[in-house]
Amino acid sequence: MAKELTERDRAYWRANVKLISFCLIVWALVSYGFGILLRPMLSGISVGGTDLGFWFAQQGSILTFLALVFFYAWRMNRLDKEFGLEE
């Protein structure tokens, strides 16, 4: 028996997709944008003895990814509470 989607279900899914899209955009901007495409422009800025573009390619993208994982979990918990779907 198939369950019919309600407007609340659609709103929850829409909010979830917006959150995922935001996280993917930030990840792509940091990983590809700062680490690869914008690296020549960031080479004049020094961080920890190396240029900022190299830092983003090596550590910054990993730290950003970890921050995004925790942000997503925190935001999804809030979203679940908003829609009455908490555990």
Protein backbone atom coordinates (compact mmCIF):
# COMPACT_ATOMS: atom_id res chain seq x y z
CA MET A 1 0.00 0.00 0.00
CA ALA A 2 1.64 3.23 -1.15
CA LYS A 3 1.61 6.18 1.19
CA GLU A 4 0.50 9.44 -0.39
CA LEU A 5 2.89 12.35 0.08
CA THR A 6 1.50 15.27 2.02
CA GLU A 7 2.48 18.91 1.65
CA ARG A 8 4.47 18.59 4.88
CA ASP A 9 6.46 15.69 3.38
CA ARG A 10 7.19 17.76 0.27
CA ALA A 11 8.27 20.77 2.36
CA TYR A 12 10.57 18.56 4.44
CA TRP A 13 12.15 17.05 1.34
CA ARG A 14 12.49 20.48 -0.29
CA ALA A 15 14.31 21.80 2.81
CA ASN A 16 16.54 18.71 2.86
CA VAL A 17 17.48 19.13 -0.81
CA LYS A 18 18.24 22.83 -0.24
CA LEU A 19 20.54 21.91 2.63
CA ILE A 20 22.31 19.23 0.60
CA SER A 21 22.71 21.65 -2.32
CA PHE A 22 24.21 24.30 -0.05
CA CYS A 23 26.69 21.81 1.42
CA LEU A 24 27.71 20.57 -2.04
CA ILE A 25 28.23 24.12 -3.32
CA VAL A 26 30.43 25.01 -0.34
CA TRP A 27 32.39 21.77 -0.74
CA ALA A 28 32.94 22.35 -4.48
CA LEU A 29 33.91 25.99 -3.97
CA VAL A 30 36.51 25.11 -1.33
CA SER A 31 37.84 21.92 -2.93
CA TYR A 32 37.87 22.88 -6.60
CA GLY A 33 37.63 26.65 -6.45
CA PHE A 34 40.16 27.55 -3.78
CA GLY A 35 42.39 24.49 -4.10
CA ILE A 36 42.64 24.28 -7.90
CA LEU A 37 41.06 27.10 -9.91
CA LEU A 38 41.89 30.05 -7.66
CA ARG A 39 45.24 28.73 -6.44
CA PRO A 40 47.36 31.14 -8.52
CA MET A 41 45.43 34.11 -7.08
CA LEU A 42 45.83 32.80 -3.52
CA SER A 43 49.57 32.11 -3.85
CA GLY A 44 50.53 35.48 -2.37
CA ILE A 45 48.78 34.81 0.94
CA SER A 46 50.87 32.78 3.38
CA VAL A 47 49.35 30.35 5.89
CA GLY A 48 51.58 28.19 8.05
CA GLY A 49 54.61 28.68 5.83
CA THR A 50 52.85 27.81 2.57
CA ASP A 51 50.52 29.62 0.22
CA LEU A 52 46.77 29.66 0.87
CA GLY A 53 45.88 27.77 -2.34
CA PHE A 54 48.13 24.86 -1.39
CA TRP A 55 46.76 24.91 2.16
CA PHE A 56 43.17 24.64 0.85
CA ALA A 57 44.16 21.80 -1.47
CA GLN A 58 45.87 19.85 1.31
CA GLN A 59 44.14 20.63 4.62
CA GLY A 60 41.50 23.28 4.12
CA SER A 61 39.22 21.14 1.97
CA ILE A 62 39.40 18.27 4.48
CA LEU A 63 38.64 20.54 7.44
CA THR A 64 35.81 22.18 5.50
CA PHE A 65 34.37 18.76 4.65
CA LEU A 66 34.43 17.74 8.33
CA ALA A 67 32.77 21.03 9.30
CA LEU A 68 30.09 20.41 6.65
CA VAL A 69 29.39 16.93 8.05
CA PHE A 70 28.80 18.33 11.54
CA PHE A 71 26.79 21.28 10.15
CA TYR A 72 24.58 18.93 8.13
CA ALA A 73 23.93 16.68 11.15
CA TRP A 74 23.13 19.68 13.38
CA ARG A 75 20.86 21.29 10.77
CA MET A 76 19.04 18.02 9.99
CA ASN A 77 18.32 17.51 13.69
CA ARG A 78 16.76 20.98 13.77
CA LEU A 79 14.83 20.24 10.57
CA ASP A 80 13.54 16.97 12.03
CA LYS A 81 12.30 18.81 15.12
CA GLU A 82 10.65 21.48 12.95
CA PHE A 83 8.67 18.85 11.07
CA GLY A 84 8.00 16.60 14.09
CA LEU A 85 10.21 13.76 12.87
CA GLU A 86 12.77 13.62 15.68
CA GLU A 87 13.75 10.28 17.14
